[in-house]
PDB file of all heavy atoms in Angstrom:
ATOM      1  N   ALA A   1      69.985  78.181 124.903  1.00  0.00           N
ATOM      2  CA  ALA A   1      71.418  78.462 125.003  1.00  0.00           C
ATOM      3  C   ALA A   1      71.707  79.952 125.127  1.00  0.00           C
ATOM      4  O   ALA A   1      72.586  80.359 125.904  1.00  0.00           O
ATOM      5  CB  ALA A   1      72.147  77.882 123.800  1.00  0.00           C
ATOM      6  N   VAL A   2      70.975  80.772 124.379  1.00  0.00           N
ATOM      7  CA  VAL A   2      71.248  82.223 124.385  1.00  0.00           C
ATOM      8  C   VAL A   2      71.063  82.843 125.770  1.00  0.00           C
ATOM      9  O   VAL A   2      71.959  83.532 126.265  1.00  0.00           O
ATOM     10  CB  VAL A   2      70.388  82.941 123.328  1.00  0.00           C
ATOM     11  CG1 VAL A   2      70.500  84.457 123.495  1.00  0.00           C
ATOM     12  CG2 VAL A   2      70.830  82.538 121.926  1.00  0.00           C
ATOM     13  N   PRO A   3      69.910  82.642 126.448  1.00  0.00           N
ATOM     14  CA  PRO A   3      69.796  83.206 127.796  1.00  0.00           C
ATOM     15  C   PRO A   3      70.787  82.593 128.777  1.00  0.00           C
ATOM     16  O   PRO A   3      71.253  83.274 129.704  1.00  0.00           O
ATOM     17  CB  PRO A   3      68.346  82.899 128.203  1.00  0.00           C
ATOM     18  CG  PRO A   3      67.904  81.824 127.289  1.00  0.00           C
ATOM     19  CD  PRO A   3      68.642  82.021 126.013  1.00  0.00           C
ATOM     20  N   GLY A   4      71.121  81.314 128.563  1.00  0.00           N
ATOM     21  CA  GLY A   4      72.120  80.690 129.429  1.00  0.00           C
ATOM     22  C   GLY A   4      73.475  81.367 129.307  1.00  0.00           C
ATOM     23  O   GLY A   4      74.151  81.639 130.303  1.00  0.00           O
ATOM     24  N   ILE A   5      73.873  81.669 128.073  1.00  0.00           N
ATOM     25  CA  ILE A   5      75.153  82.355 127.834  1.00  0.00           C
ATOM     26  C   ILE A   5      75.091  83.782 128.378  1.00  0.00           C
ATOM     27  O   ILE A   5      76.053  84.264 128.983  1.00  0.00           O
ATOM     28  CB  ILE A   5      75.477  82.357 126.325  1.00  0.00           C
ATOM     29  CG1 ILE A   5      75.788  80.933 125.856  1.00  0.00           C
ATOM     30  CG2 ILE A   5      76.654  83.287 126.022  1.00  0.00           C
ATOM     31  CD1 ILE A   5      75.963  80.803 124.355  1.00  0.00           C
ATOM     32  N   MET A   6      73.942  84.454 128.191  1.00  0.00           N
ATOM     33  CA  MET A   6      73.795  85.812 128.719  1.00  0.00           C
ATOM     34  C   MET A   6      73.904  85.823 130.244  1.00  0.00           C
ATOM     35  O   MET A   6      74.474  86.747 130.842  1.00  0.00           O
ATOM     36  CB  MET A   6      72.452  86.398 128.271  1.00  0.00           C
ATOM     37  CG  MET A   6      72.368  86.673 126.786  1.00  0.00           C
ATOM     38  SD  MET A   6      70.739  87.291 126.274  1.00  0.00           S
ATOM     39  CE  MET A   6      70.696  88.848 127.147  1.00  0.00           C
ATOM     40  N   GLY A   7      73.369  84.784 130.877  1.00  0.00           N
ATOM     41  CA  GLY A   7      73.465  84.684 132.324  1.00  0.00           C
ATOM     42  C   GLY A   7      74.905  84.546 132.793  1.00  0.00           C
ATOM     43  O   GLY A   7      75.304  85.156 133.791  1.00  0.00           O
ATOM     44  N   GLN A   8      75.696  83.768 132.073  1.00  0.00           N
ATOM     45  CA  GLN A   8      77.109  83.601 132.432  1.00  0.00           C
ATOM     46  C   GLN A   8      77.899  84.882 132.203  1.00  0.00           C
ATOM     47  O   GLN A   8      78.776  85.232 133.002  1.00  0.00           O
ATOM     48  CB  GLN A   8      77.717  82.448 131.625  1.00  0.00           C
ATOM     49  CG  GLN A   8      77.136  81.083 131.936  1.00  0.00           C
ATOM     50  CD  GLN A   8      77.246  80.727 133.400  1.00  0.00           C
ATOM     51  OE1 GLN A   8      78.317  80.827 134.001  1.00  0.00           O
ATOM     52  NE2 GLN A   8      76.148  80.296 133.996  1.00  0.00           N
ATOM     53  N   ILE A   9      77.594  85.591 131.112  1.00  0.00           N
ATOM     54  CA  ILE A   9      78.257  86.873 130.864  1.00  0.00           C
ATOM     55  C   ILE A   9      77.899  87.874 131.963  1.00  0.00           C
ATOM     56  O   ILE A   9      78.765  88.614 132.464  1.00  0.00           O
ATOM     57  CB  ILE A   9      77.865  87.420 129.484  1.00  0.00           C
ATOM     58  CG1 ILE A   9      78.424  86.512 128.384  1.00  0.00           C
ATOM     59  CG2 ILE A   9      78.374  88.852 129.297  1.00  0.00           C
ATOM     60  CD1 ILE A   9      77.973  86.895 126.983  1.00  0.00           C
ATOM     61  N   ALA A  10      76.614  87.889 132.349  1.00  0.00           N
ATOM     62  CA  ALA A  10      76.187  88.776 133.434  1.00  0.00           C
ATOM     63  C   ALA A  10      76.903  88.426 134.736  1.00  0.00           C
ATOM     64  O   ALA A  10      77.268  89.321 135.516  1.00  0.00           O
ATOM     65  CB  ALA A  10      74.670  88.679 133.621  1.00  0.00           C
ATOM     66  N   GLN A  11      77.109  87.147 134.961  1.00  0.00           N
ATOM     67  CA  GLN A  11      77.814  86.720 136.179  1.00  0.00           C
ATOM     68  C   GLN A  11      79.263  87.197 136.176  1.00  0.00           C
ATOM     69  O   GLN A  11      79.768  87.694 137.198  1.00  0.00           O
ATOM     70  CB  GLN A  11      77.761  85.198 136.301  1.00  0.00           C
ATOM     71  CG  GLN A  11      78.483  84.657 137.522  1.00  0.00           C
ATOM     72  CD  GLN A  11      78.185  83.192 137.748  1.00  0.00           C
ATOM     73  OE1 GLN A  11      77.231  82.850 138.433  1.00  0.00           O
ATOM     74  NE2 GLN A  11      78.992  82.312 137.171  1.00  0.00           N
ATOM     75  N   ILE A  12      79.937  87.056 135.045  1.00  0.00           N
ATOM     76  CA  ILE A  12      81.330  87.516 134.952  1.00  0.00           C
ATOM     77  C   ILE A  12      81.411  89.022 135.196  1.00  0.00           C
ATOM     78  O   ILE A  12      82.237  89.490 135.999  1.00  0.00           O
ATOM     79  CB  ILE A  12      81.922  87.170 133.566  1.00  0.00           C
ATOM     80  CG1 ILE A  12      82.053  85.652 133.404  1.00  0.00           C
ATOM     81  CG2 ILE A  12      83.291  87.831 133.391  1.00  0.00           C
ATOM     82  CD1 ILE A  12      82.483  85.228 132.003  1.00  0.00           C
ATOM     83  N   LEU A  13      80.560  89.780 134.508  1.00  0.00           N
ATOM     84  CA  LEU A  13      80.592  91.231 134.654  1.00  0.00           C
ATOM     85  C   LEU A  13      80.287  91.653 136.086  1.00  0.00           C
ATOM     86  O   LEU A  13      80.928  92.559 136.641  1.00  0.00           O
ATOM     87  CB  LEU A  13      79.592  91.881 133.686  1.00  0.00           C
ATOM     88  CG  LEU A  13      79.913  91.727 132.198  1.00  0.00           C
ATOM     89  CD1 LEU A  13      78.795  92.337 131.351  1.00  0.00           C
ATOM     90  CD2 LEU A  13      81.243  92.392 131.861  1.00  0.00           C
ATOM     91  N   THR A  14      79.300  91.006 136.695  1.00  0.00           N
ATOM     92  CA  THR A  14      78.925  91.358 138.065  1.00  0.00           C
ATOM     93  C   THR A  14      80.071  91.098 139.033  1.00  0.00           C
ATOM     94  O   THR A  14      80.417  91.965 139.854  1.00  0.00           O
ATOM     95  CB  THR A  14      77.693  90.543 138.500  1.00  0.00           C
ATOM     96  OG1 THR A  14      76.601  90.825 137.616  1.00  0.00           O
ATOM     97  CG2 THR A  14      77.293  90.888 139.929  1.00  0.00           C
ATOM     98  N   ILE A  15      80.675  89.923 138.939  1.00  0.00           N
ATOM     99  CA  ILE A  15      81.761  89.571 139.851  1.00  0.00           C
ATOM    100  C   ILE A  15      82.945  90.507 139.661  1.00  0.00           C
ATOM    101  O   ILE A  15      83.539  90.997 140.642  1.00  0.00           O
ATOM    102  CB  ILE A  15      82.195  88.104 139.626  1.00  0.00           C
ATOM    103  CG1 ILE A  15      81.093  87.149 140.097  1.00  0.00           C
ATOM    104  CG2 ILE A  15      83.492  87.807 140.363  1.00  0.00           C
ATOM    105  CD1 ILE A  15      80.833  87.187 141.586  1.00  0.00           C
ATOM    106  N   VAL A  16      83.312  90.771 138.412  1.00  0.00           N
ATOM    107  CA  VAL A  16      84.475  91.624 138.140  1.00  0.00           C
ATOM    108  C   VAL A  16      84.248  93.046 138.654  1.00  0.00           C
ATOM    109  O   VAL A  16      85.123  93.644 139.285  1.00  0.00           O
ATOM    110  CB  VAL A  16      84.795  91.629 136.630  1.00  0.00           C
ATOM    111  CG1 VAL A  16      85.832  92.694 136.308  1.00  0.00           C
ATOM    112  CG2 VAL A  16      85.311  90.257 136.197  1.00  0.00           C
ATOM    113  N   VAL A  17      83.052  93.592 138.395  1.00  0.00           N
ATOM    114  CA  VAL A  17      82.770  94.962 138.837  1.00  0.00           C
ATOM    115  C   VAL A  17      82.718  95.050 140.355  1.00  0.00           C
ATOM    116  O   VAL A  17      83.316  95.950 140.969  1.00  0.00           O
ATOM    117  CB  VAL A  17      81.438  95.463 138.237  1.00  0.00           C
ATOM    118  CG1 VAL A  17      81.034  96.800 138.859  1.00  0.00           C
ATOM    119  CG2 VAL A  17      81.573  95.614 136.724  1.00  0.00           C
ATOM    120  N   VAL A  18      82.020  94.114 140.989  1.00  0.00           N
ATOM    121  CA  VAL A  18      81.897  94.140 142.454  1.00  0.00           C
ATOM    122  C   VAL A  18      83.259  93.990 143.126  1.00  0.00           C
ATOM    123  O   VAL A  18      83.639  94.796 143.993  1.00  0.00           O
ATOM    124  CB  VAL A  18      80.935  93.038 142.940  1.00  0.00           C
ATOM    125  CG1 VAL A  18      81.002  92.897 144.459  1.00  0.00           C
ATOM    126  CG2 VAL A  18      79.509  93.351 142.515  1.00  0.00           C
ATOM    127  N   ILE A  19      84.009  92.975 142.730  1.00  0.00           N
ATOM    128  CA  ILE A  19      85.312  92.753 143.349  1.00  0.00           C
ATOM    129  C   ILE A  19      86.280  93.872 142.999  1.00  0.00           C
ATOM    130  O   ILE A  19      87.082  94.308 143.835  1.00  0.00           O
ATOM    131  CB  ILE A  19      85.874  91.375 142.942  1.00  0.00           C
ATOM    132  CG1 ILE A  19      85.010  90.270 143.564  1.00  0.00           C
ATOM    133  CG2 ILE A  19      87.336  91.223 143.375  1.00  0.00           C
ATOM    134  CD1 ILE A  19      85.479  88.870 143.256  1.00  0.00           C
ATOM    135  N   GLY A  20      86.210  94.379 141.762  1.00  0.00           N
ATOM    136  CA  GLY A  20      87.069  95.500 141.378  1.00  0.00           C
ATOM    137  C   GLY A  20      86.825  96.725 142.250  1.00  0.00           C
ATOM    138  O   GLY A  20      87.770  97.360 142.734  1.00  0.00           O
ATOM    139  N   CYS A  21      85.544  97.061 142.471  1.00  0.00           N
ATOM    140  CA  CYS A  21      85.218  98.209 143.323  1.00  0.00           C
ATOM    141  C   CYS A  21      85.697  97.992 144.753  1.00  0.00           C
ATOM    142  O   CYS A  21      86.236  98.916 145.391  1.00  0.00           O
ATOM    143  CB  CYS A  21      83.707  98.451 143.317  1.00  0.00           C
ATOM    144  SG  CYS A  21      83.051  99.146 141.791  1.00  0.00           S
ATOM    145  N   LEU A  22      85.514  96.786 145.263  1.00  0.00           N
ATOM    146  CA  LEU A  22      85.924  96.504 146.639  1.00  0.00           C
ATOM    147  C   LEU A  22      87.445  96.532 146.796  1.00  0.00           C
ATOM    148  O   LEU A  22      87.964  96.949 147.829  1.00  0.00           O
ATOM    149  CB  LEU A  22      85.366  95.152 147.087  1.00  0.00           C
ATOM    150  CG  LEU A  22      83.836  95.076 147.198  1.00  0.00           C
ATOM    151  CD1 LEU A  22      83.394  93.696 147.650  1.00  0.00           C
ATOM    152  CD2 LEU A  22      83.305  96.144 148.160  1.00  0.00           C
ATOM    153  N   ILE A  23      88.165  96.096 145.763  1.00  0.00           N
ATOM    154  CA  ILE A  23      89.630  96.142 145.831  1.00  0.00           C
ATOM    155  C   ILE A  23      90.124  97.586 145.817  1.00  0.00           C
ATOM    156  O   ILE A  23      91.022  97.963 146.588  1.00  0.00           O
ATOM    157  CB  ILE A  23      90.247  95.333 144.674  1.00  0.00           C
ATOM    158  CG1 ILE A  23      90.043  93.829 144.910  1.00  0.00           C
ATOM    159  CG2 ILE A  23      91.734  95.642 144.530  1.00  0.00           C
ATOM    160  CD1 ILE A  23      90.545  92.956 143.784  1.00  0.00           C
ATOM    161  N   VAL A  24      89.527  98.400 144.950  1.00  0.00           N
ATOM    162  CA  VAL A  24      89.896  99.823 144.930  1.00  0.00           C
ATOM    163  C   VAL A  24      89.557 100.480 146.264  1.00  0.00           C
ATOM    164  O   VAL A  24      90.328 101.298 146.791  1.00  0.00           O
ATOM    165  CB  VAL A  24      89.179 100.546 143.776  1.00  0.00           C
ATOM    166  CG1 VAL A  24      89.469 102.046 143.832  1.00  0.00           C
ATOM    167  CG2 VAL A  24      89.631  99.977 142.437  1.00  0.00           C
ATOM    168  N   LEU A  25      88.424 100.104 146.840  1.00  0.00           N
ATOM    169  CA  LEU A  25      88.039 100.617 148.157  1.00  0.00           C
ATOM    170  C   LEU A  25      89.037 100.188 149.223  1.00  0.00           C
ATOM    171  O   LEU A  25      89.427 100.990 150.089  1.00  0.00           O
ATOM    172  CB  LEU A  25      86.636 100.127 148.511  1.00  0.00           C
ATOM    173  CG  LEU A  25      86.066 100.538 149.871  1.00  0.00           C
ATOM    174  CD1 LEU A  25      85.984 102.054 149.975  1.00  0.00           C
ATOM    175  CD2 LEU A  25      84.702  99.902 150.091  1.00  0.00           C
ATOM    176  N   ALA A  26      89.463  98.930 149.163  1.00  0.00           N
ATOM    177  CA  ALA A  26      90.448  98.428 150.127  1.00  0.00           C
ATOM    178  C   ALA A  26      91.778  99.171 149.991  1.00  0.00           C
ATOM    179  O   ALA A  26      92.439  99.479 150.986  1.00  0.00           O
ATOM    180  CB  ALA A  26      90.650  96.926 149.932  1.00  0.00           C
ATOM    181  N   ARG A  27      92.182  99.462 148.761  1.00  0.00           N
ATOM    182  CA  ARG A  27      93.423 100.221 148.549  1.00  0.00           C
ATOM    183  C   ARG A  27      93.323 101.619 149.140  1.00  0.00           C
ATOM    184  O   ARG A  27      94.291 102.147 149.700  1.00  0.00           O
ATOM    185  CB  ARG A  27      93.731 100.310 147.060  1.00  0.00           C
ATOM    186  CG  ARG A  27      94.187  99.000 146.425  1.00  0.00           C
ATOM    187  CD  ARG A  27      94.547  99.193 144.967  1.00  0.00           C
ATOM    188  NE  ARG A  27      95.626 100.173 144.823  1.00  0.00           N
ATOM    189  CZ  ARG A  27      96.060 100.616 143.648  1.00  0.00           C
ATOM    190  NH1 ARG A  27      95.480 100.189 142.527  1.00  0.00           N
ATOM    191  NH2 ARG A  27      97.038 101.500 143.591  1.00  0.00           N
ATOM    192  N   SER A  28      92.139 102.211 149.038  1.00  0.00           N
ATOM    193  CA  SER A  28      91.942 103.534 149.620  1.00  0.00           C
ATOM    194  C   SER A  28      92.040 103.469 151.137  1.00  0.00           C
ATOM    195  O   SER A  28      92.625 104.357 151.772  1.00  0.00           O
ATOM    196  CB  SER A  28      90.571 104.080 149.206  1.00  0.00           C
ATOM    197  OG  SER A  28      90.358 105.369 149.723  1.00  0.00           O
ATOM    198  N   VAL A  29      91.486 102.412 151.715  1.00  0.00           N
ATOM    199  CA  VAL A  29      91.583 102.242 153.175  1.00  0.00           C
ATOM    200  C   VAL A  29      93.029 102.006 153.592  1.00  0.00           C
ATOM    201  O   VAL A  29      93.484 102.516 154.623  1.00  0.00           O
ATOM    202  CB  VAL A  29      90.689 101.072 153.636  1.00  0.00           C
ATOM    203  CG1 VAL A  29      90.890 100.787 155.123  1.00  0.00           C
ATOM    204  CG2 VAL A  29      89.219 101.380 153.359  1.00  0.00           C
ATOM    205  N   LEU A  30      93.768 101.253 152.791  1.00  0.00           N
ATOM    206  CA  LEU A  30      95.188 101.038 153.072  1.00  0.00           C
ATOM    207  C   LEU A  30      95.955 102.363 153.075  1.00  0.00           C
ATOM    208  O   LEU A  30      96.924 102.520 153.818  1.00  0.00           O
ATOM    209  CB  LEU A  30      95.799 100.087 152.036  1.00  0.00           C
ATOM    210  CG  LEU A  30      95.504  98.599 152.199  1.00  0.00           C
ATOM    211  CD1 LEU A  30      96.018  97.819 150.993  1.00  0.00           C
ATOM    212  CD2 LEU A  30      96.138  98.064 153.481  1.00  0.00           C
ATOM    213  N   ALA A  31      95.513 103.303 152.251  1.00  0.00           N
ATOM    214  CA  ALA A  31      96.155 104.609 152.201  1.00  0.00           C
ATOM    215  C   ALA A  31      95.694 105.518 153.333  1.00  0.00           C
ATOM    216  O   ALA A  31      96.164 106.650 153.447  1.00  0.00           O
ATOM    217  CB  ALA A  31      95.883 105.277 150.860  1.00  0.00           C
ATOM    218  N   GLY A  32      94.761 105.018 154.168  1.00  0.00           N
ATOM    219  CA  GLY A  32      94.307 105.789 155.309  1.00  0.00           C
ATOM    220  C   GLY A  32      93.055 106.602 155.074  1.00  0.00           C
ATOM    221  O   GLY A  32      92.642 107.371 155.940  1.00  0.00           O
ATOM    222  N   ARG A  33      92.432 106.461 153.908  1.00  0.00           N
ATOM    223  CA  ARG A  33      91.216 107.202 153.599  1.00  0.00           C
ATOM    224  C   ARG A  33      90.037 106.237 153.612  1.00  0.00           C
ATOM    225  O   ARG A  33      89.870 105.437 152.691  1.00  0.00           O
ATOM    226  CB  ARG A  33      91.326 107.891 152.236  1.00  0.00           C
ATOM    227  CG  ARG A  33      92.400 108.969 152.170  1.00  0.00           C
ATOM    228  CD  ARG A  33      92.386 109.664 150.816  1.00  0.00           C
ATOM    229  NE  ARG A  33      92.662 108.738 149.726  1.00  0.00           N
ATOM    230  CZ  ARG A  33      93.879 108.428 149.293  1.00  0.00           C
ATOM    231  NH1 ARG A  33      94.940 108.956 149.892  1.00  0.00           N
ATOM    232  NH2 ARG A  33      94.041 107.593 148.288  1.00  0.00           N
TER     233      ARG A  33
END
């Protein structure tokens, strides 16, 4: 159970960080940079 839960936490963190960075990048492109 412990590694299974760690895997799910890693998945949440990975998705949030990746999508968060891409959204900030998209906002920068929207601003013309």
